[in-house]
Amino acid sequence: MKKITEKIAWICIVIGCAVFGIYIYGLCCNDYSVLGEIKDTDIERTGQIGDFFGGIIGSIWALAGVLLYFSALRMQSQELSNQMREMSDSKKLIQQQQFETTFFNLLKTQQELKHSLKGKFYSIIRSCNSFEYYSEICESEAFFNRVCSEMKILYSIYKLREITLWDESQVKQELYCYYTAREYELDDPEYDYAKEIRDMYKQYNQCYLAYIYGIKTRTMQQAQEKSNEMLMCRCIYGHIFGKYQNVLGHYCRHLYNIIKFLDSERQRCLDEIKINDKNRISEVEAVKKRFSTYVAFVHSMLTTKELCVIFYNSFLFPKAKDLFVKYNLFDNLLKENLLSKDHAELMEGAALKTSKDIFHQILEELNADDANDNPLKHTK
């Protein structure tokens, strides 16, 4: 449009100049002196010449001037539009830089929180022909490993119909009687006494942890009466969270707020994209891809044990669960890492896989690569 307007303007100027030149040439050919002395008889003719120039040539040049002025306004408007676009892009770039600075600072803080995690865990261990109480302080990654181990023991407790109350004197008496009988009785060479002792201490340890976490038989029975294990999972993690909420609560809340911060910024970026923008689809895809990269950074800092703890923590906090599922936070968590593979079905929307699924996926990718490298092999 701009080029057409300028072309028309210059054509008008050329036409005006051509008409002017032709008219002057015609006057000169008719003995009319342009630069000489004007006679009285030429005054009327001179007025006609002025009317011609003002009415014809002047109008043509005036039109050219209007067109050039209009073109200049359009050029100025376009320059202002480009400046506004550059300012908008610059503003977006600054906002993105500020967001990324805050985001990576939050990730750094999350790692610091992880390294500062500390909890004291209790158990009983064998000591000669009796037992002794044992406590261990676990930090950072070891903390999550121990929490997962504790949840597995609690899960085995919840699968029992009832639990024997912890009684220190009774346990000591049982062990005394057992080892005394072993001293005076002949051992059966085909019997696995080592396994029997391990099972005894396992049972004692279950009773002791049930005492430590305050598990009641009635609570276990209520959890077992449900059609699914959601209540059981909540109870098991609830015991852990209740005892270590000072450290676990801070860690899980901070992680939730990181994902929430990502979600809010992602939605803001999507809202800024105009509906009638011709590049809207590509811009939306660019935003989604960018924030998928940010979520990948969060994935990379979470270990399997952390994901397992966060998975069961989500059962107590629905808002966190919905947000974690939305951003596929549990995609790297295998079903085998849970207390039971069936628990994966309790997290609606989460796509957990088994190690077998991953193995088949690898085989499919290898077969696809072979097909691309050797197309003739599959056409014979």
Protein backbone atom coordinates (compact mmCIF):
# COMPACT_ATOMS: atom_id res chain seq x y z
CA MET A 1 0.00 0.00 0.00
CA LYS A 2 2.84 2.36 0.87
CA LYS A 3 4.66 1.73 -2.41
CA ILE A 4 1.48 2.19 -4.46
CA THR A 5 0.76 5.55 -2.77
CA GLU A 6 4.29 6.81 -3.41
CA LYS A 7 4.17 5.67 -7.04
CA ILE A 8 0.90 7.52 -7.64
CA ALA A 9 2.35 10.65 -5.99
CA TRP A 10 5.45 10.61 -8.19
CA ILE A 11 3.34 9.96 -11.28
CA CYS A 12 1.28 13.06 -10.41
CA ILE A 13 4.47 15.12 -10.01
CA VAL A 14 5.81 13.89 -13.37
CA ILE A 15 2.46 14.61 -15.07
CA GLY A 16 2.39 18.09 -13.58
CA CYS A 17 5.94 18.81 -14.76
CA ALA A 18 5.17 17.44 -18.23
CA VAL A 19 2.00 19.55 -18.57
CA PHE A 20 3.89 22.58 -17.33
CA GLY A 21 6.67 22.09 -19.86
CA ILE A 22 4.30 21.43 -22.78
CA TYR A 23 2.19 24.47 -21.94
CA ILE A 24 5.23 26.79 -21.71
CA TYR A 25 6.59 25.40 -24.96
CA GLY A 26 3.25 26.09 -26.68
CA LEU A 27 3.21 29.65 -25.43
CA CYS A 28 6.70 30.28 -26.68
CA CYS A 29 5.78 28.93 -30.11
CA ASN A 30 2.87 31.46 -30.29
CA ASP A 31 5.13 34.50 -29.80
CA TYR A 32 4.31 34.83 -26.09
CA SER A 33 7.26 36.18 -24.16
CA VAL A 34 7.64 34.47 -20.82
CA LEU A 35 10.64 36.39 -19.57
CA GLY A 36 10.32 39.54 -21.63
CA GLU A 37 8.24 42.63 -21.10
CA ILE A 38 4.51 41.88 -20.92
CA LYS A 39 2.35 44.12 -23.08
CA ASP A 40 -1.10 45.38 -22.17
CA THR A 41 -2.66 43.06 -24.70
CA ASP A 42 -1.04 40.05 -22.89
CA ILE A 43 -2.48 40.80 -19.44
CA GLU A 44 -5.71 38.90 -20.09
CA ARG A 45 -3.75 36.01 -21.55
CA THR A 46 -1.43 35.99 -18.52
CA GLY A 47 -4.42 35.61 -16.20
CA GLN A 48 -5.58 32.57 -18.18
CA ILE A 49 -2.09 31.10 -17.82
CA GLY A 50 -2.21 31.60 -14.05
CA ASP A 51 -5.66 30.01 -13.84
CA PHE A 52 -4.37 27.03 -15.83
CA PHE A 53 -1.33 26.52 -13.64
CA GLY A 54 -3.31 26.99 -10.40
CA GLY A 55 -6.31 24.93 -11.45
CA ILE A 56 -4.66 22.06 -13.30
CA ILE A 57 -0.99 21.71 -12.40
CA GLY A 58 -1.46 23.01 -8.87
CA SER A 59 -4.24 20.51 -8.22
CA ILE A 60 -2.12 17.64 -9.57
CA TRP A 61 0.83 18.63 -7.37
CA ALA A 62 -1.46 19.18 -4.38
CA LEU A 63 -2.75 15.62 -4.83
CA ALA A 64 0.85 14.39 -4.97
CA GLY A 65 1.61 16.30 -1.77
CA VAL A 66 -1.39 14.77 0.00
CA LEU A 67 -0.35 11.29 -1.09
CA LEU A 68 3.24 11.82 0.06
CA TYR A 69 2.02 13.23 3.37
CA PHE A 70 -0.27 10.22 3.81
CA SER A 71 2.65 7.91 3.00
CA ALA A 72 4.83 9.72 5.55
CA LEU A 73 2.13 9.31 8.21
CA ARG A 74 1.89 5.61 7.46
CA MET A 75 5.67 5.30 7.65
CA GLN A 76 5.70 7.11 10.98
CA SER A 77 2.86 4.95 12.27
CA GLN A 78 4.74 1.81 11.22
CA GLU A 79 7.89 3.04 12.94
CA LEU A 80 5.94 3.71 16.12
CA SER A 81 4.40 0.26 15.84
CA ASN A 82 7.85 -1.31 15.44
CA GLN A 83 9.09 0.64 18.44
CA MET A 84 6.13 -0.55 20.50
CA ARG A 85 6.78 -4.12 19.36
CA GLU A 86 10.46 -3.83 20.26
CA MET A 87 9.54 -2.39 23.66
CA SER A 88 7.06 -5.24 24.17
CA ASP A 89 9.69 -7.84 23.18
CA SER A 90 12.22 -6.15 25.45
CA LYS A 91 9.71 -6.17 28.30
CA LYS A 92 9.00 -9.86 27.72
CA LEU A 93 12.72 -10.62 27.67
CA ILE A 94 13.24 -8.75 30.95
CA GLN A 95 10.28 -10.56 32.52
CA GLN A 96 11.64 -13.91 31.33
CA GLN A 97 15.08 -13.12 32.75
CA GLN A 98 13.56 -12.09 36.08
CA PHE A 99 11.44 -15.26 36.12
CA GLU A 100 14.38 -17.53 35.33
CA THR A 101 16.52 -15.86 37.99
CA THR A 102 13.79 -16.43 40.59
CA PHE A 103 13.12 -19.97 39.36
CA PHE A 104 16.73 -21.14 39.53
CA ASN A 105 17.12 -19.50 42.94
CA LEU A 106 14.10 -21.52 44.08
CA LEU A 107 15.69 -24.71 42.72
CA LYS A 108 18.87 -23.88 44.61
CA THR A 109 16.88 -23.35 47.80
CA GLN A 110 15.10 -26.66 47.24
CA GLN A 111 18.43 -28.45 47.03
CA GLU A 112 19.59 -26.72 50.19
CA LEU A 113 16.41 -27.84 51.94
CA LYS A 114 17.08 -31.40 50.82
CA HIS A 115 20.64 -31.35 52.15
CA SER A 116 19.42 -29.89 55.46
CA LEU A 117 16.86 -32.67 56.03
CA LYS A 118 17.60 -34.63 59.17
CA GLY A 119 15.58 -37.18 61.12
CA LYS A 120 16.14 -39.66 63.91
CA PHE A 121 14.84 -43.17 63.29
CA TYR A 122 14.39 -45.98 65.80
CA SER A 123 14.55 -49.75 65.61
CA ILE A 124 15.63 -52.78 67.60
CA ILE A 125 18.56 -54.99 66.69
CA ARG A 126 19.86 -58.35 67.86
CA SER A 127 22.36 -58.31 70.69
CA CYS A 128 23.71 -61.76 71.56
CA ASN A 129 20.73 -63.62 72.99
CA SER A 130 18.61 -60.52 73.53
CA PHE A 131 18.04 -57.17 71.79
CA GLU A 132 18.93 -53.54 72.16
CA TYR A 133 17.36 -50.28 71.09
CA TYR A 134 19.01 -48.59 68.15
CA SER A 135 18.61 -45.04 66.84
CA GLU A 136 20.11 -43.54 63.73
CA ILE A 137 20.20 -39.98 62.40
CA CYS A 138 19.71 -39.88 58.63
CA GLU A 139 20.36 -36.79 56.53
CA SER A 140 19.70 -35.63 52.97
CA GLU A 141 19.37 -38.57 50.57
CA ALA A 142 19.71 -41.10 53.39
CA PHE A 143 16.66 -39.49 55.01
CA PHE A 144 14.46 -40.31 52.01
CA ASN A 145 15.89 -43.83 51.79
CA ARG A 146 15.02 -44.44 55.44
CA VAL A 147 11.54 -42.92 55.09
CA CYS A 148 10.79 -45.30 52.22
CA SER A 149 12.05 -48.24 54.28
CA GLU A 150 9.89 -47.14 57.23
CA MET A 151 6.82 -46.89 55.00
CA LYS A 152 7.40 -50.43 53.72
CA ILE A 153 7.53 -51.73 57.30
CA LEU A 154 4.40 -49.78 58.19
CA TYR A 155 2.69 -51.19 55.10
CA SER A 156 3.53 -54.73 56.22
CA ILE A 157 2.11 -53.86 59.66
CA TYR A 158 -1.12 -52.57 58.12
CA LYS A 159 -1.50 -55.83 56.23
CA LEU A 160 -1.66 -57.72 59.53
CA ARG A 161 -5.05 -58.42 61.09
CA GLU A 162 -3.77 -57.29 64.45
CA ILE A 163 -0.54 -56.18 66.05
CA THR A 164 0.90 -57.35 69.36
CA LEU A 165 1.55 -54.48 71.75
CA TRP A 166 5.20 -53.84 72.48
CA ASP A 167 6.23 -55.20 75.86
CA GLU A 168 9.95 -55.05 76.59
CA SER A 169 9.95 -57.49 79.48
CA GLN A 170 7.85 -60.02 77.60
CA VAL A 171 10.15 -59.87 74.56
CA LYS A 172 13.23 -60.38 76.73
CA GLN A 173 11.54 -63.34 78.40
CA GLU A 174 10.61 -64.91 75.05
CA LEU A 175 14.15 -64.54 73.75
CA TYR A 176 15.61 -65.96 76.96
CA CYS A 177 13.37 -69.00 76.73
CA TYR A 178 14.13 -69.46 73.03
CA TYR A 179 17.92 -69.36 73.35
CA THR A 180 17.84 -71.48 76.52
CA ALA A 181 15.88 -74.16 74.68
CA ARG A 182 18.34 -73.99 71.82
CA GLU A 183 21.21 -74.71 74.20
CA TYR A 184 19.66 -77.84 75.63
CA GLU A 185 17.98 -79.19 72.51
CA LEU A 186 19.66 -80.77 69.55
CA ASP A 187 19.53 -78.70 66.38
CA ASP A 188 17.83 -80.07 63.32
CA PRO A 189 20.41 -79.80 60.50
CA GLU A 190 17.64 -79.41 57.90
CA TYR A 191 15.90 -76.58 59.74
CA ASP A 192 16.73 -72.94 58.93
CA TYR A 193 17.25 -71.45 62.39
CA ALA A 194 18.80 -68.28 60.96
CA LYS A 195 15.59 -67.53 59.08
CA GLU A 196 13.55 -68.24 62.20
CA ILE A 197 15.62 -65.73 64.18
CA ARG A 198 15.33 -63.13 61.41
CA ASP A 199 11.56 -63.54 61.35
CA MET A 200 11.41 -63.19 65.15
CA TYR A 201 13.33 -59.92 65.14
CA LYS A 202 11.32 -58.71 62.17
CA GLN A 203 8.13 -59.28 64.13
CA TYR A 204 9.58 -57.58 67.21
CA ASN A 205 10.68 -54.65 65.09
CA GLN A 206 7.15 -54.34 63.66
CA CYS A 207 5.70 -54.27 67.18
CA TYR A 208 8.24 -51.67 68.24
CA LEU A 209 7.57 -49.39 65.24
CA ALA A 210 3.83 -49.73 65.79
CA TYR A 211 4.52 -48.47 69.31
CA ILE A 212 6.76 -45.64 68.06
CA TYR A 213 4.20 -44.42 65.49
CA GLY A 214 1.18 -45.03 67.69
CA ILE A 215 -0.57 -47.51 65.36
CA LYS A 216 -3.75 -49.04 66.71
CA THR A 217 -5.40 -52.27 65.67
CA ARG A 218 -8.73 -50.53 65.11
CA THR A 219 -7.13 -48.10 62.66
CA MET A 220 -5.57 -50.99 60.75
CA GLN A 221 -8.90 -52.80 60.52
CA GLN A 222 -10.71 -49.67 59.27
CA ALA A 223 -8.09 -49.22 56.54
CA GLN A 224 -8.40 -52.86 55.49
CA GLU A 225 -12.20 -52.64 55.22
CA LYS A 226 -12.05 -50.10 52.38
CA SER A 227 -12.48 -51.18 48.75
CA ASN A 228 -9.15 -49.59 47.83
CA GLU A 229 -5.98 -48.79 49.70
CA MET A 230 -6.26 -45.01 49.62
CA LEU A 231 -7.04 -44.77 53.34
CA MET A 232 -4.22 -47.17 54.12
CA CYS A 233 -1.75 -45.08 52.10
CA ARG A 234 -2.92 -41.92 53.86
CA CYS A 235 -2.57 -43.56 57.26
CA ILE A 236 0.90 -44.92 56.55
CA TYR A 237 2.26 -41.65 55.23
CA GLY A 238 0.31 -39.75 57.88
CA HIS A 239 2.34 -41.53 60.58
CA ILE A 240 5.59 -40.56 58.84
CA PHE A 241 4.47 -36.98 58.18
CA GLY A 242 3.23 -36.53 61.74
CA LYS A 243 6.60 -37.52 63.17
CA TYR A 244 8.82 -35.66 60.69
CA GLN A 245 6.53 -32.84 59.58
CA ASN A 246 9.00 -30.15 60.65
CA VAL A 247 11.37 -31.16 57.86
CA LEU A 248 9.08 -32.96 55.39
CA GLY A 249 6.42 -30.25 55.50
CA HIS A 250 8.86 -27.48 54.63
CA TYR A 251 10.45 -29.51 51.84
CA CYS A 252 7.14 -30.57 50.22
CA ARG A 253 5.54 -27.12 50.52
CA HIS A 254 8.53 -25.49 48.87
CA LEU A 255 8.44 -27.97 45.99
CA TYR A 256 4.70 -27.36 45.57
CA ASN A 257 5.27 -23.61 45.42
CA ILE A 258 7.97 -24.04 42.76
CA ILE A 259 5.52 -25.91 40.51
CA LYS A 260 2.78 -23.41 41.36
CA PHE A 261 5.14 -20.55 40.42
CA LEU A 262 5.82 -22.27 37.08
CA ASP A 263 2.11 -22.80 36.48
CA SER A 264 1.24 -19.14 37.19
CA GLU A 265 3.97 -17.81 34.92
CA ARG A 266 3.04 -20.23 32.16
CA GLN A 267 -0.60 -19.12 32.30
CA ARG A 268 0.46 -15.46 32.25
CA CYS A 269 2.54 -16.02 29.11
CA LEU A 270 -0.35 -17.81 27.42
CA ASP A 271 -2.79 -15.03 28.35
CA GLU A 272 -0.51 -12.43 26.74
CA ILE A 273 -0.82 -14.13 23.36
CA LYS A 274 -3.59 -12.41 21.39
CA ILE A 275 -6.41 -14.56 20.09
CA ASN A 276 -6.36 -12.97 16.61
CA ASP A 277 -2.58 -13.25 16.28
CA LYS A 278 -1.75 -15.16 13.11
CA ASN A 279 1.24 -16.77 14.87
CA ARG A 280 -0.79 -17.71 17.94
CA ILE A 281 -0.46 -21.49 17.52
CA SER A 282 3.31 -21.39 17.12
CA GLU A 283 3.67 -18.98 20.07
CA VAL A 284 1.52 -21.18 22.29
CA GLU A 285 3.65 -24.21 21.37
CA ALA A 286 6.81 -22.22 22.08
CA VAL A 287 5.55 -21.28 25.56
CA LYS A 288 4.57 -24.87 26.34
CA LYS A 289 7.93 -26.17 25.15
CA ARG A 290 9.81 -23.58 27.21
CA PHE A 291 7.97 -24.48 30.40
CA SER A 292 8.40 -28.19 29.72
CA THR A 293 12.12 -27.47 29.84
CA TYR A 294 11.72 -25.77 33.22
CA VAL A 295 9.80 -28.77 34.57
CA ALA A 296 12.57 -31.02 33.26
CA PHE A 297 14.99 -29.14 35.53
CA VAL A 298 12.74 -29.98 38.49
CA HIS A 299 12.64 -33.62 37.37
CA SER A 300 16.41 -33.79 37.17
CA MET A 301 16.87 -32.81 40.82
CA LEU A 302 14.46 -35.40 42.24
CA THR A 303 15.68 -38.90 43.04
CA THR A 304 13.50 -42.00 42.94
CA LYS A 305 13.13 -42.08 46.72
CA GLU A 306 12.15 -38.41 46.77
CA LEU A 307 9.51 -39.02 44.11
CA CYS A 308 8.17 -41.96 46.12
CA VAL A 309 7.80 -39.80 49.25
CA ILE A 310 6.24 -36.95 47.23
CA PHE A 311 3.84 -39.45 45.64
CA TYR A 312 2.41 -40.53 48.99
CA ASN A 313 2.57 -36.98 50.34
CA SER A 314 0.22 -35.96 47.51
CA PHE A 315 -2.51 -38.20 48.94
CA LEU A 316 -2.75 -35.84 51.90
CA PHE A 317 -2.73 -32.65 49.83
CA PRO A 318 -5.09 -32.71 46.78
CA LYS A 319 -3.97 -29.32 45.39
CA ALA A 320 -0.38 -30.50 45.23
CA LYS A 321 -1.48 -33.80 43.68
CA ASP A 322 -3.41 -32.07 40.87
CA LEU A 323 -0.50 -29.78 40.08
CA PHE A 324 2.09 -32.57 40.12
CA VAL A 325 -0.06 -34.74 37.85
CA LYS A 326 -0.62 -31.80 35.48
CA TYR A 327 3.12 -31.42 34.96
CA ASN A 328 3.84 -35.20 34.89
CA LEU A 329 6.08 -35.06 37.92
CA PHE A 330 5.73 -38.82 38.51
CA ASP A 331 6.61 -39.94 34.99
CA ASN A 332 10.06 -41.07 36.13
CA LEU A 333 8.68 -43.07 39.04
CA LEU A 334 8.32 -46.81 38.44
CA LYS A 335 5.47 -48.84 39.92
CA GLU A 336 8.06 -51.12 41.53
CA ASN A 337 9.27 -48.17 43.62
CA LEU A 338 5.88 -47.88 45.36
CA LEU A 339 4.75 -49.85 48.39
CA SER A 340 2.52 -51.76 45.99
CA LYS A 341 2.17 -51.58 42.21
CA ASP A 342 -1.58 -51.17 42.66
CA HIS A 343 -1.02 -47.79 44.32
CA ALA A 344 -0.23 -46.32 40.91
CA GLU A 345 -3.94 -46.60 40.06
CA LEU A 346 -4.80 -44.41 43.06
CA MET A 347 -3.08 -41.42 41.45
CA GLU A 348 -5.60 -40.52 38.76
CA GLY A 349 -3.96 -38.97 35.71
CA ALA A 350 -0.43 -40.12 36.57
CA ALA A 351 1.21 -42.37 33.98
CA LEU A 352 3.54 -44.58 35.98
CA LYS A 353 5.33 -47.38 34.17
CA THR A 354 6.89 -50.67 35.15
CA SER A 355 10.46 -51.65 34.36
CA LYS A 356 9.02 -54.11 31.83
CA ASP A 357 7.18 -51.26 30.06
CA ILE A 358 10.40 -49.29 29.78
CA PHE A 359 12.22 -52.35 28.44
CA HIS A 360 9.56 -52.85 25.74
CA GLN A 361 9.72 -49.15 24.89
CA ILE A 362 13.48 -49.41 24.39
CA LEU A 363 13.00 -52.43 22.12
CA GLU A 364 10.39 -50.56 20.05
CA GLU A 365 12.74 -47.61 19.63
CA LEU A 366 15.56 -49.93 18.57
CA ASN A 367 13.28 -51.64 16.04
CA ALA A 368 12.19 -48.26 14.70
CA ASP A 369 15.83 -47.20 14.29
CA ASP A 370 16.60 -50.44 12.46
CA ALA A 371 13.65 -49.85 10.13
CA ASN A 372 14.87 -46.34 9.32
CA ASP A 373 18.48 -47.47 8.77
CA ASN A 374 17.58 -50.57 6.71
CA PRO A 375 14.32 -49.92 4.83
CA LEU A 376 14.99 -52.73 2.33
CA LYS A 377 15.23 -55.25 5.16
CA HIS A 378 11.54 -54.81 6.00
CA THR A 379 10.30 -54.73 2.42
CA LYS A 380 11.59 -58.15 1.35
